[in-house]
PDB file of N, CA and C in Angstrom:
ATOM      1  N   UNK A   1      89.708 105.383 111.602  1.00  0.00           N
ATOM      2  CA  UNK A   1      90.235 106.357 110.701  1.00  0.00           C
ATOM      3  C   UNK A   1      91.197 105.706 109.724  1.00  0.00           C
ATOM      4  N   UNK A   2      92.416 105.400 110.119  1.00  0.00           N
ATOM      5  CA  UNK A   2      93.424 104.874 109.215  1.00  0.00           C
ATOM      6  C   UNK A   2      93.444 103.353 109.256  1.00  0.00           C
ATOM      7  N   UNK A   3      93.642 102.765 108.091  1.00  0.00           N
ATOM      8  CA  UNK A   3      93.780 101.323 108.003  1.00  0.00           C
ATOM      9  C   UNK A   3      95.147 100.948 108.567  1.00  0.00           C
ATOM     10  N   UNK A   4      95.164 100.191 109.640  1.00  0.00           N
ATOM     11  CA  UNK A   4      96.428  99.867 110.304  1.00  0.00           C
ATOM     12  C   UNK A   4      97.331  98.972 109.469  1.00  0.00           C
ATOM     13  N   UNK A   5      96.801  98.362 108.403  1.00  0.00           N
ATOM     14  CA  UNK A   5      97.628  97.527 107.544  1.00  0.00           C
ATOM     15  C   UNK A   5      98.177  98.305 106.358  1.00  0.00           C
ATOM     16  N   UNK A   6      97.826  99.571 106.218  1.00  0.00           N
ATOM     17  CA  UNK A   6      98.309 100.382 105.102  1.00  0.00           C
ATOM     18  C   UNK A   6      99.822 100.588 105.218  1.00  0.00           C
ATOM     19  N   UNK A   7     100.489 100.734 104.077  1.00  0.00           N
ATOM     20  CA  UNK A   7     101.949 100.917 104.066  1.00  0.00           C
ATOM     21  C   UNK A   7     102.334 102.373 104.348  1.00  0.00           C
ATOM     22  N   UNK A   8     102.194 102.819 105.576  1.00  0.00           N
ATOM     23  CA  UNK A   8     102.403 104.228 105.926  1.00  0.00           C
ATOM     24  C   UNK A   8     103.864 104.645 105.793  1.00  0.00           C
ATOM     25  N   UNK A   9     104.067 105.809 105.207  1.00  0.00           N
ATOM     26  CA  UNK A   9     105.364 106.485 105.161  1.00  0.00           C
ATOM     27  C   UNK A   9     105.207 107.741 106.011  1.00  0.00           C
ATOM     28  N   UNK A  10     106.192 108.070 106.833  1.00  0.00           N
ATOM     29  CA  UNK A  10     106.096 109.222 107.726  1.00  0.00           C
ATOM     30  C   UNK A  10     107.202 110.223 107.424  1.00  0.00           C
ATOM     31  N   UNK A  11     106.807 111.502 107.377  1.00  0.00           N
ATOM     32  CA  UNK A  11     107.746 112.597 107.153  1.00  0.00           C
ATOM     33  C   UNK A  11     107.567 113.596 108.286  1.00  0.00           C
ATOM     34  N   UNK A  12     108.657 113.976 108.950  1.00  0.00           N
ATOM     35  CA  UNK A  12     108.608 115.034 109.965  1.00  0.00           C
ATOM     36  C   UNK A  12     108.716 116.368 109.243  1.00  0.00           C
ATOM     37  N   UNK A  13     107.797 117.283 109.577  1.00  0.00           N
ATOM     38  CA  UNK A  13     107.784 118.574 108.892  1.00  0.00           C
ATOM     39  C   UNK A  13     107.278 119.665 109.817  1.00  0.00           C
ATOM     40  N   UNK A  14     108.128 120.611 110.127  1.00  0.00           N
ATOM     41  CA  UNK A  14     107.787 121.791 110.925  1.00  0.00           C
ATOM     42  C   UNK A  14     107.021 121.466 112.208  1.00  0.00           C
ATOM     43  N   UNK A  15     107.487 120.469 112.943  1.00  0.00           N
ATOM     44  CA  UNK A  15     106.876 120.119 114.221  1.00  0.00           C
ATOM     45  C   UNK A  15     105.658 119.218 114.117  1.00  0.00           C
ATOM     46  N   UNK A  16     105.361 118.716 112.931  1.00  0.00           N
ATOM     47  CA  UNK A  16     104.243 117.801 112.714  1.00  0.00           C
ATOM     48  C   UNK A  16     104.759 116.542 112.032  1.00  0.00           C
ATOM     49  N   UNK A  17     103.959 115.508 112.054  1.00  0.00           N
ATOM     50  CA  UNK A  17     104.223 114.296 111.277  1.00  0.00           C
ATOM     51  C   UNK A  17     103.201 114.231 110.153  1.00  0.00           C
ATOM     52  N   UNK A  18     103.696 113.966 108.951  1.00  0.00           N
ATOM     53  CA  UNK A  18     102.825 113.742 107.799  1.00  0.00           C
ATOM     54  C   UNK A  18     102.900 112.252 107.498  1.00  0.00           C
ATOM     55  N   UNK A  19     101.771 111.577 107.583  1.00  0.00           N
ATOM     56  CA  UNK A  19     101.685 110.144 107.308  1.00  0.00           C
ATOM     57  C   UNK A  19     100.948 109.968 105.986  1.00  0.00           C
ATOM     58  N   UNK A  20     101.563 109.250 105.047  1.00  0.00           N
ATOM     59  CA  UNK A  20     100.955 109.025 103.735  1.00  0.00           C
ATOM     60  C   UNK A  20     101.066 107.544 103.396  1.00  0.00           C
ATOM     61  N   UNK A  21      99.971 106.986 102.892  1.00  0.00           N
ATOM     62  CA  UNK A  21      99.968 105.599 102.422  1.00  0.00           C
ATOM     63  C   UNK A  21      99.622 105.591 100.938  1.00  0.00           C
ATOM     64  N   UNK A  22     100.608 105.370 100.061  1.00  0.00           N
ATOM     65  CA  UNK A  22     100.303 105.219  98.642  1.00  0.00           C
ATOM     66  C   UNK A  22      99.685 103.841  98.422  1.00  0.00           C
ATOM     67  N   UNK A  23      98.602 103.818  97.679  1.00  0.00           N
ATOM     68  CA  UNK A  23      97.850 102.579  97.483  1.00  0.00           C
ATOM     69  C   UNK A  23      97.558 102.360  96.012  1.00  0.00           C
ATOM     70  N   UNK A  24      97.536 101.106  95.603  1.00  0.00           N
ATOM     71  CA  UNK A  24      97.178 100.812  94.223  1.00  0.00           C
ATOM     72  C   UNK A  24      95.696 101.056  94.025  1.00  0.00           C
ATOM     73  N   UNK A  25      95.360 101.673  92.907  1.00  0.00           N
ATOM     74  CA  UNK A  25      93.970 101.982  92.581  1.00  0.00           C
ATOM     75  C   UNK A  25      93.575 101.125  91.388  1.00  0.00           C
ATOM     76  N   UNK A  26      92.555 100.305  91.566  1.00  0.00           N
ATOM     77  CA  UNK A  26      92.132  99.411  90.494  1.00  0.00           C
ATOM     78  C   UNK A  26      91.299 100.135  89.456  1.00  0.00           C
ATOM     79  N   UNK A  27      91.135  99.484  88.337  1.00  0.00           N
ATOM     80  CA  UNK A  27      90.246 100.000  87.301  1.00  0.00           C
ATOM     81  C   UNK A  27      88.810  99.922  87.789  1.00  0.00           C
ATOM     82  N   UNK A  28      87.959 100.727  87.195  1.00  0.00           N
ATOM     83  CA  UNK A  28      86.546 100.743  87.587  1.00  0.00           C
ATOM     84  C   UNK A  28      85.951  99.343  87.482  1.00  0.00           C
ATOM     85  N   UNK A  29      85.189  98.953  88.489  1.00  0.00           N
ATOM     86  CA  UNK A  29      84.516  97.666  88.482  1.00  0.00           C
ATOM     87  C   UNK A  29      85.310  96.537  89.104  1.00  0.00           C
ATOM     88  N   UNK A  30      86.580  96.712  89.348  1.00  0.00           N
ATOM     89  CA  UNK A  30      87.369  95.661  89.976  1.00  0.00           C
ATOM     90  C   UNK A  30      87.098  95.637  91.467  1.00  0.00           C
ATOM     91  N   UNK A  31      87.218  94.469  92.053  1.00  0.00           N
ATOM     92  CA  UNK A  31      86.984  94.337  93.485  1.00  0.00           C
ATOM     93  C   UNK A  31      88.298  94.461  94.239  1.00  0.00           C
ATOM     94  N   UNK A  32      88.192  94.478  95.569  1.00  0.00           N
ATOM     95  CA  UNK A  32      89.371  94.559  96.428  1.00  0.00           C
ATOM     96  C   UNK A  32      90.236  95.755  96.039  1.00  0.00           C
ATOM     97  N   UNK A  33      89.612  96.909  96.031  1.00  0.00           N
ATOM     98  CA  UNK A  33      90.170  98.127  95.454  1.00  0.00           C
ATOM     99  C   UNK A  33      91.598  98.458  95.847  1.00  0.00           C
ATOM    100  N   UNK A  34      91.962  98.289  97.109  1.00  0.00           N
ATOM    101  CA  UNK A  34      93.282  98.740  97.515  1.00  0.00           C
ATOM    102  C   UNK A  34      94.288  97.614  97.712  1.00  0.00           C
ATOM    103  N   UNK A  35      93.897  96.369  97.525  1.00  0.00           N
ATOM    104  CA  UNK A  35      94.816  95.272  97.799  1.00  0.00           C
ATOM    105  C   UNK A  35      95.072  94.366  96.604  1.00  0.00           C
ATOM    106  N   UNK A  36      94.707  94.826  95.418  1.00  0.00           N
ATOM    107  CA  UNK A  36      94.922  93.999  94.235  1.00  0.00           C
ATOM    108  C   UNK A  36      96.414  93.905  93.937  1.00  0.00           C
ATOM    109  N   UNK A  37      96.863  92.758  93.446  1.00  0.00           N
ATOM    110  CA  UNK A  37      98.281  92.651  93.100  1.00  0.00           C
ATOM    111  C   UNK A  37      98.592  93.532  91.892  1.00  0.00           C
ATOM    112  N   UNK A  38      99.802  94.045  91.788  1.00  0.00           N
ATOM    113  CA  UNK A  38     100.170  94.860  90.630  1.00  0.00           C
ATOM    114  C   UNK A  38     100.036  94.070  89.338  1.00  0.00           C
ATOM    115  N   UNK A  39      99.727  94.752  88.266  1.00  0.00           N
ATOM    116  CA  UNK A  39      99.610  94.140  86.953  1.00  0.00           C
ATOM    117  C   UNK A  39     101.022  93.989  86.391  1.00  0.00           C
ATOM    118  N   UNK A  40     101.613  92.813  86.580  1.00  0.00           N
ATOM    119  CA  UNK A  40     102.989  92.601  86.133  1.00  0.00           C
ATOM    120  C   UNK A  40     103.073  92.406  84.626  1.00  0.00           C
ATOM    121  N   UNK A  41     101.968  91.986  84.001  1.00  0.00           N
ATOM    122  CA  UNK A  41     101.963  91.799  82.556  1.00  0.00           C
ATOM    123  C   UNK A  41     102.013  93.145  81.833  1.00  0.00           C
ATOM    124  N   UNK A  42     101.385  94.155  82.423  1.00  0.00           N
ATOM    125  CA  UNK A  42     101.356  95.477  81.810  1.00  0.00           C
ATOM    126  C   UNK A  42     101.459  96.538  82.902  1.00  0.00           C
ATOM    127  N   UNK A  43     102.668  96.806  83.401  1.00  0.00           N
ATOM    128  CA  UNK A  43     102.833  97.747  84.516  1.00  0.00           C
ATOM    129  C   UNK A  43     102.275  99.137  84.251  1.00  0.00           C
ATOM    130  N   UNK A  44     102.176  99.537  82.985  1.00  0.00           N
ATOM    131  CA  UNK A  44     101.647 100.864  82.667  1.00  0.00           C
ATOM    132  C   UNK A  44     100.184 101.003  83.074  1.00  0.00           C
ATOM    133  N   UNK A  45      99.487  99.887  83.248  1.00  0.00           N
ATOM    134  CA  UNK A  45      98.078  99.935  83.645  1.00  0.00           C
ATOM    135  C   UNK A  45      97.904 100.122  85.146  1.00  0.00           C
ATOM    136  N   UNK A  46      98.967  99.960  85.912  1.00  0.00           N
ATOM    137  CA  UNK A  46      98.868 100.161  87.356  1.00  0.00           C
ATOM    138  C   UNK A  46      98.715 101.649  87.643  1.00  0.00           C
ATOM    139  N   UNK A  47      97.737 101.993  88.465  1.00  0.00           N
ATOM    140  CA  UNK A  47      97.521 103.374  88.882  1.00  0.00           C
ATOM    141  C   UNK A  47      97.516 103.396  90.403  1.00  0.00           C
ATOM    142  N   UNK A  48      97.919 104.517  90.975  1.00  0.00           N
ATOM    143  CA  UNK A  48      98.047 104.634  92.424  1.00  0.00           C
ATOM    144  C   UNK A  48      97.327 105.875  92.931  1.00  0.00           C
ATOM    145  N   UNK A  49      96.956 105.830  94.190  1.00  0.00           N
ATOM    146  CA  UNK A  49      96.343 106.950  94.873  1.00  0.00           C
ATOM    147  C   UNK A  49      96.986 107.042  96.257  1.00  0.00           C
ATOM    148  N   UNK A  50      96.460 107.882  97.123  1.00  0.00           N
ATOM    149  CA  UNK A  50      97.027 107.981  98.468  1.00  0.00           C
ATOM    150  C   UNK A  50      95.963 108.402  99.469  1.00  0.00           C
ATOM    151  N   UNK A  51      96.214 108.082 100.710  1.00  0.00           N
ATOM    152  CA  UNK A  51      95.469 108.607 101.854  1.00  0.00           C
ATOM    153  C   UNK A  51      96.520 109.088 102.839  1.00  0.00           C
ATOM    154  N   UNK A  52      96.130 109.994 103.728  1.00  0.00           N
ATOM    155  CA  UNK A  52      97.108 110.475 104.684  1.00  0.00           C
ATOM    156  C   UNK A  52      96.492 111.261 105.811  1.00  0.00           C
ATOM    157  N   UNK A  53      97.338 111.628 106.740  1.00  0.00           N
ATOM    158  CA  UNK A  53      96.918 112.491 107.837  1.00  0.00           C
ATOM    159  C   UNK A  53      98.127 113.233 108.387  1.00  0.00           C
ATOM    160  N   UNK A  54      97.841 114.366 109.034  1.00  0.00           N
ATOM    161  CA  UNK A  54      98.852 115.182 109.693  1.00  0.00           C
ATOM    162  C   UNK A  54      98.532 115.180 111.176  1.00  0.00           C
ATOM    163  N   UNK A  55      99.558 115.042 112.024  1.00  0.00           N
ATOM    164  CA  UNK A  55      99.343 115.066 113.472  1.00  0.00           C
ATOM    165  C   UNK A  55     100.620 115.540 114.163  1.00  0.00           C
ATOM    166  N   UNK A  56     100.510 115.794 115.458  1.00  0.00           N
ATOM    167  CA  UNK A  56     101.698 116.068 116.260  1.00  0.00           C
ATOM    168  C   UNK A  56     102.448 114.753 116.457  1.00  0.00           C
ATOM    169  N   UNK A  57     103.766 114.794 116.645  1.00  0.00           N
ATOM    170  CA  UNK A  57     104.523 113.566 116.890  1.00  0.00           C
ATOM    171  C   UNK A  57     103.956 112.784 118.076  1.00  0.00           C
ATOM    172  N   UNK A  58     103.727 111.503 117.856  1.00  0.00           N
ATOM    173  CA  UNK A  58     103.232 110.628 118.913  1.00  0.00           C
ATOM    174  C   UNK A  58     101.737 110.671 119.145  1.00  0.00           C
ATOM    175  N   UNK A  59     101.007 111.516 118.418  1.00  0.00           N
ATOM    176  CA  UNK A  59      99.553 111.598 118.606  1.00  0.00           C
ATOM    177  C   UNK A  59      98.885 110.326 118.101  1.00  0.00           C
ATOM    178  N   UNK A  60      97.733 110.011 118.666  1.00  0.00           N
ATOM    179  CA  UNK A  60      96.953 108.848 118.249  1.00  0.00           C
ATOM    180  C   UNK A  60      95.900 109.312 117.249  1.00  0.00           C
ATOM    181  N   UNK A  61      96.063 109.007 115.953  1.00  0.00           N
ATOM    182  CA  UNK A  61      95.125 109.505 114.948  1.00  0.00           C
ATOM    183  C   UNK A  61      93.726 108.908 115.060  1.00  0.00           C
ATOM    184  N   UNK A  62      93.572 107.856 115.854  1.00  0.00           N
ATOM    185  CA  UNK A  62      92.238 107.264 116.002  1.00  0.00           C
ATOM    186  C   UNK A  62      91.372 108.051 116.981  1.00  0.00           C
ATOM    187  N   UNK A  63      91.970 108.979 117.729  1.00  0.00           N
ATOM    188  CA  UNK A  63      91.211 109.811 118.662  1.00  0.00           C
ATOM    189  C   UNK A  63      90.743 111.054 117.918  1.00  0.00           C
ATOM    190  N   UNK A  64      89.434 111.329 117.916  1.00  0.00           N
ATOM    191  CA  UNK A  64      88.925 112.506 117.203  1.00  0.00           C
ATOM    192  C   UNK A  64      89.643 113.784 117.639  1.00  0.00           C
ATOM    193  N   UNK A  65      89.987 114.600 116.655  1.00  0.00           N
ATOM    194  CA  UNK A  65      90.646 115.860 116.933  1.00  0.00           C
ATOM    195  C   UNK A  65      92.152 115.787 117.060  1.00  0.00           C
ATOM    196  N   UNK A  66      92.732 114.600 116.921  1.00  0.00           N
ATOM    197  CA  UNK A  66      94.180 114.450 117.069  1.00  0.00           C
ATOM    198  C   UNK A  66      94.916 114.416 115.733  1.00  0.00           C
ATOM    199  N   UNK A  67      94.181 114.438 114.622  1.00  0.00           N
ATOM    200  CA  UNK A  67      94.808 114.400 113.305  1.00  0.00           C
ATOM    201  C   UNK A  67      93.905 115.077 112.282  1.00  0.00           C
ATOM    202  N   UNK A  68      94.519 115.532 111.205  1.00  0.00           N
ATOM    203  CA  UNK A  68      93.793 116.090 110.066  1.00  0.00           C
ATOM    204  C   UNK A  68      93.979 115.106 108.913  1.00  0.00           C
ATOM    205  N   UNK A  69      92.894 114.473 108.496  1.00  0.00           N
ATOM    206  CA  UNK A  69      92.949 113.467 107.427  1.00  0.00           C
ATOM    207  C   UNK A  69      92.822 114.121 106.055  1.00  0.00           C
ATOM    208  N   UNK A  70      93.421 113.475 105.060  1.00  0.00           N
ATOM    209  CA  UNK A  70      93.276 113.932 103.676  1.00  0.00           C
ATOM    210  C   UNK A  70      93.425 112.739 102.741  1.00  0.00           C
ATOM    211  N   UNK A  71      93.024 112.920 101.498  1.00  0.00           N
ATOM    212  CA  UNK A  71      93.123 111.868 100.484  1.00  0.00           C
ATOM    213  C   UNK A  71      93.130 112.505  99.108  1.00  0.00           C
ATOM    214  N   UNK A  72      93.509 111.723  98.110  1.00  0.00           N
ATOM    215  CA  UNK A  72      93.476 112.209  96.734  1.00  0.00           C
ATOM    216  C   UNK A  72      92.026 112.444  96.326  1.00  0.00           C
ATOM    217  N   UNK A  73      91.820 113.415  95.466  1.00  0.00           N
ATOM    218  CA  UNK A  73      90.474 113.684  94.970  1.00  0.00           C
ATOM    219  C   UNK A  73      89.993 112.513  94.129  1.00  0.00           C
ATOM    220  N   UNK A  74      88.709 112.217  94.226  1.00  0.00           N
ATOM    221  CA  UNK A  74      88.009 111.130  93.547  1.00  0.00           C
ATOM    222  C   UNK A  74      88.713 110.359  92.459  1.00  0.00           C
ATOM    223  N   UNK A  75      88.789 110.912  91.272  1.00  0.00           N
ATOM    224  CA  UNK A  75      89.339 110.184  90.130  1.00  0.00           C
ATOM    225  C   UNK A  75      90.840 110.391  89.956  1.00  0.00           C
ATOM    226  N   UNK A  76      91.454 111.160  90.834  1.00  0.00           N
ATOM    227  CA  UNK A  76      92.883 111.434  90.714  1.00  0.00           C
ATOM    228  C   UNK A  76      93.686 110.153  90.929  1.00  0.00           C
ATOM    229  N   UNK A  77      94.632 109.898  90.029  1.00  0.00           N
ATOM    230  CA  UNK A  77      95.497 108.731  90.180  1.00  0.00           C
ATOM    231  C   UNK A  77      96.875 109.070  89.625  1.00  0.00           C
ATOM    232  N   UNK A  78      97.845 108.231  89.964  1.00  0.00           N
ATOM    233  CA  UNK A  78      99.234 108.506  89.632  1.00  0.00           C
ATOM    234  C   UNK A  78      99.860 107.292  88.972  1.00  0.00           C
ATOM    235  N   UNK A  79     100.867 107.530  88.139  1.00  0.00           N
ATOM    236  CA  UNK A  79     101.491 106.463  87.365  1.00  0.00           C
ATOM    237  C   UNK A  79     102.343 105.525  88.205  1.00  0.00           C
ATOM    238  N   UNK A  80     102.814 106.005  89.358  1.00  0.00           N
ATOM    239  CA  UNK A  80     103.661 105.143  90.184  1.00  0.00           C
ATOM    240  C   UNK A  80     103.363 105.363  91.659  1.00  0.00           C
ATOM    241  N   UNK A  81     103.808 104.414  92.457  1.00  0.00           N
ATOM    242  CA  UNK A  81     103.668 104.525  93.912  1.00  0.00           C
ATOM    243  C   UNK A  81     104.429 105.751  94.413  1.00  0.00           C
ATOM    244  N   UNK A  82     105.625 105.982  93.865  1.00  0.00           N
ATOM    245  CA  UNK A  82     106.435 107.128  94.275  1.00  0.00           C
ATOM    246  C   UNK A  82     105.759 108.455  93.938  1.00  0.00           C
ATOM    247  N   UNK A  83     105.097 108.522  92.778  1.00  0.00           N
ATOM    248  CA  UNK A  83     104.373 109.746  92.411  1.00  0.00           C
ATOM    249  C   UNK A  83     103.233 110.014  93.387  1.00  0.00           C
ATOM    250  N   UNK A  84     102.505 108.966  93.768  1.00  0.00           N
ATOM    251  CA  UNK A  84     101.406 109.120  94.727  1.00  0.00           C
ATOM    252  C   UNK A  84     101.944 109.550  96.091  1.00  0.00           C
ATOM    253  N   UNK A  85     103.049 108.958  96.513  1.00  0.00           N
ATOM    254  CA  UNK A  85     103.664 109.331  97.788  1.00  0.00           C
ATOM    255  C   UNK A  85     104.117 110.789  97.757  1.00  0.00           C
ATOM    256  N   UNK A  86     104.765 111.197  96.686  1.00  0.00           N
ATOM    257  CA  UNK A  86     105.237 112.576  96.551  1.00  0.00           C
ATOM    258  C   UNK A  86     104.072 113.559  96.662  1.00  0.00           C
ATOM    259  N   UNK A  87     102.993 113.288  95.944  1.00  0.00           N
ATOM    260  CA  UNK A  87     101.835 114.189  95.978  1.00  0.00           C
ATOM    261  C   UNK A  87     101.191 114.213  97.356  1.00  0.00           C
ATOM    262  N   UNK A  88     101.088 113.054  98.007  1.00  0.00           N
ATOM    263  CA  UNK A  88     100.516 113.002  99.350  1.00  0.00           C
ATOM    264  C   UNK A  88     101.323 113.820 100.348  1.00  0.00           C
ATOM    265  N   UNK A  89     102.647 113.724 100.281  1.00  0.00           N
ATOM    266  CA  UNK A  89     103.505 114.516 101.170  1.00  0.00           C
ATOM    267  C   UNK A  89     103.360 116.001 100.843  1.00  0.00           C
ATOM    268  N   UNK A  90     103.263 116.325  99.563  1.00  0.00           N
ATOM    269  CA  UNK A  90     103.072 117.721  99.152  1.00  0.00           C
ATOM    270  C   UNK A  90     101.775 118.289  99.739  1.00  0.00           C
ATOM    271  N   UNK A  91     100.699 117.529  99.675  1.00  0.00           N
ATOM    272  CA  UNK A  91      99.421 117.969 100.245  1.00  0.00           C
ATOM    273  C   UNK A  91      99.554 118.125 101.759  1.00  0.00           C
ATOM    274  N   UNK A  92     100.200 117.169 102.416  1.00  0.00           N
ATOM    275  CA  UNK A  92     100.413 117.269 103.859  1.00  0.00           C
ATOM    276  C   UNK A  92     101.186 118.520 104.241  1.00  0.00           C
ATOM    277  N   UNK A  93     102.215 118.841 103.471  1.00  0.00           N
ATOM    278  CA  UNK A  93     102.988 120.064 103.743  1.00  0.00           C
ATOM    279  C   UNK A  93     102.124 121.309 103.576  1.00  0.00           C
ATOM    280  N   UNK A  94     101.273 121.315 102.554  1.00  0.00           N
ATOM    281  CA  UNK A  94     100.409 122.486 102.353  1.00  0.00           C
ATOM    282  C   UNK A  94      99.435 122.660 103.518  1.00  0.00           C
ATOM    283  N   UNK A  95      99.015 121.561 104.121  1.00  0.00           N
ATOM    284  CA  UNK A  95      98.136 121.642 105.299  1.00  0.00           C
ATOM    285  C   UNK A  95      98.899 122.265 106.466  1.00  0.00           C
ATOM    286  N   UNK A  96     100.124 121.806 106.693  1.00  0.00           N
ATOM    287  CA  UNK A  96     100.945 122.345 107.785  1.00  0.00           C
ATOM    288  C   UNK A  96     101.258 123.825 107.549  1.00  0.00           C
ATOM    289  N   UNK A  97     101.577 124.186 106.316  1.00  0.00           N
ATOM    290  CA  UNK A  97     101.949 125.567 105.994  1.00  0.00           C
ATOM    291  C   UNK A  97     100.763 126.526 105.996  1.00  0.00           C
ATOM    292  N   UNK A  98      99.550 125.978 105.951  1.00  0.00           N
ATOM    293  CA  UNK A  98      98.370 126.832 105.909  1.00  0.00           C
ATOM    294  C   UNK A  98      98.004 127.295 104.519  1.00  0.00           C
ATOM    295  N   UNK A  99      98.561 126.651 103.486  1.00  0.00           N
ATOM    296  CA  UNK A  99      98.253 127.047 102.114  1.00  0.00           C
ATOM    297  C   UNK A  99      97.223 126.143 101.442  1.00  0.00           C
ATOM    298  N   UNK A 100      96.808 125.078 102.110  1.00  0.00           N
ATOM    299  CA  UNK A 100      95.772 124.201 101.549  1.00  0.00           C
ATOM    300  C   UNK A 100      94.450 124.964 101.575  1.00  0.00           C
ATOM    301  N   UNK A 101      93.663 124.898 100.494  1.00  0.00           N
ATOM    302  CA  UNK A 101      92.427 125.685 100.444  1.00  0.00           C
ATOM    303  C   UNK A 101      91.342 125.239 101.421  1.00  0.00           C
ATOM    304  N   UNK A 102      91.379 123.994 101.881  1.00  0.00           N
ATOM    305  CA  UNK A 102      90.283 123.480 102.707  1.00  0.00           C
ATOM    306  C   UNK A 102      90.692 122.944 104.073  1.00  0.00           C
ATOM    307  N   UNK A 103      91.936 122.545 104.248  1.00  0.00           N
ATOM    308  CA  UNK A 103      92.350 121.874 105.479  1.00  0.00           C
ATOM    309  C   UNK A 103      93.437 122.660 106.203  1.00  0.00           C
ATOM    310  N   UNK A 104      93.450 122.560 107.529  1.00  0.00           N
ATOM    311  CA  UNK A 104      94.420 123.285 108.341  1.00  0.00           C
ATOM    312  C   UNK A 104      94.757 122.497 109.607  1.00  0.00           C
ATOM    313  N   UNK A 105      95.923 122.788 110.172  1.00  0.00           N
ATOM    314  CA  UNK A 105      96.313 122.183 111.447  1.00  0.00           C
ATOM    315  C   UNK A 105      95.915 123.071 112.624  1.00  0.00           C
ATOM    316  N   UNK A 106      95.255 124.177 112.358  1.00  0.00           N
ATOM    317  CA  UNK A 106      94.881 125.111 113.421  1.00  0.00           C
ATOM    318  C   UNK A 106      94.143 124.436 114.576  1.00  0.00           C
ATOM    319  N   UNK A 107      93.182 123.527 114.327  1.00  0.00           N
ATOM    320  CA  UNK A 107      92.527 122.856 115.464  1.00  0.00           C
ATOM    321  C   UNK A 107      93.496 122.029 116.313  1.00  0.00           C
ATOM    322  N   UNK A 108      94.540 121.484 115.703  1.00  0.00           N
ATOM    323  CA  UNK A 108      95.530 120.713 116.458  1.00  0.00           C
ATOM    324  C   UNK A 108      96.351 121.635 117.350  1.00  0.00           C
ATOM    325  N   UNK A 109      96.609 122.837 116.863  1.00  0.00           N
ATOM    326  CA  UNK A 109      97.426 123.796 117.606  1.00  0.00           C
ATOM    327  C   UNK A 109      96.617 124.451 118.722  1.00  0.00           C
ATOM    328  N   UNK A 110      95.413 124.911 118.398  1.00  0.00           N
ATOM    329  CA  UNK A 110      94.601 125.625 119.392  1.00  0.00           C
ATOM    330  C   UNK A 110      93.926 124.686 120.371  1.00  0.00           C
ATOM    331  N   UNK A 111      93.761 123.416 119.992  1.00  0.00           N
ATOM    332  CA  UNK A 111      93.114 122.453 120.877  1.00  0.00           C
ATOM    333  C   UNK A 111      94.061 121.861 121.900  1.00  0.00           C
ATOM    334  N   UNK A 112      95.323 122.198 121.808  1.00  0.00           N
ATOM    335  CA  UNK A 112      96.292 121.686 122.765  1.00  0.00           C
ATOM    336  C   UNK A 112      96.629 120.227 122.572  1.00  0.00           C
ATOM    337  N   UNK A 113      96.333 119.683 121.398  1.00  0.00           N
ATOM    338  CA  UNK A 113      96.601 118.271 121.123  1.00  0.00           C
ATOM    339  C   UNK A 113      97.969 118.131 120.517  1.00  0.00           C
TER     340      UNK A 113
END
């Protein structure tokens, strides 16, 4: 599920943990999509995205049913790492609150995980 080398940030929220990894997103056609070095010559060209998951504290996200995964929509990108992190945490909170249109923590609650 989650890349163990990703730079995970964790936020505790309403009895759940929201884990978000902001990642650099390369331009179309570039290789090594998530590990390219930042463009120091032109920082404005750097774009970021995120992946994340919501789970109970201490849960193992690699076990099916122990986490709800999410990610930025296809072409969505952000101007900075902080912007991507902020949006990822916002999406995670919406999942916990039950306001996300597609994802919910209900299986984590009713499954006893």
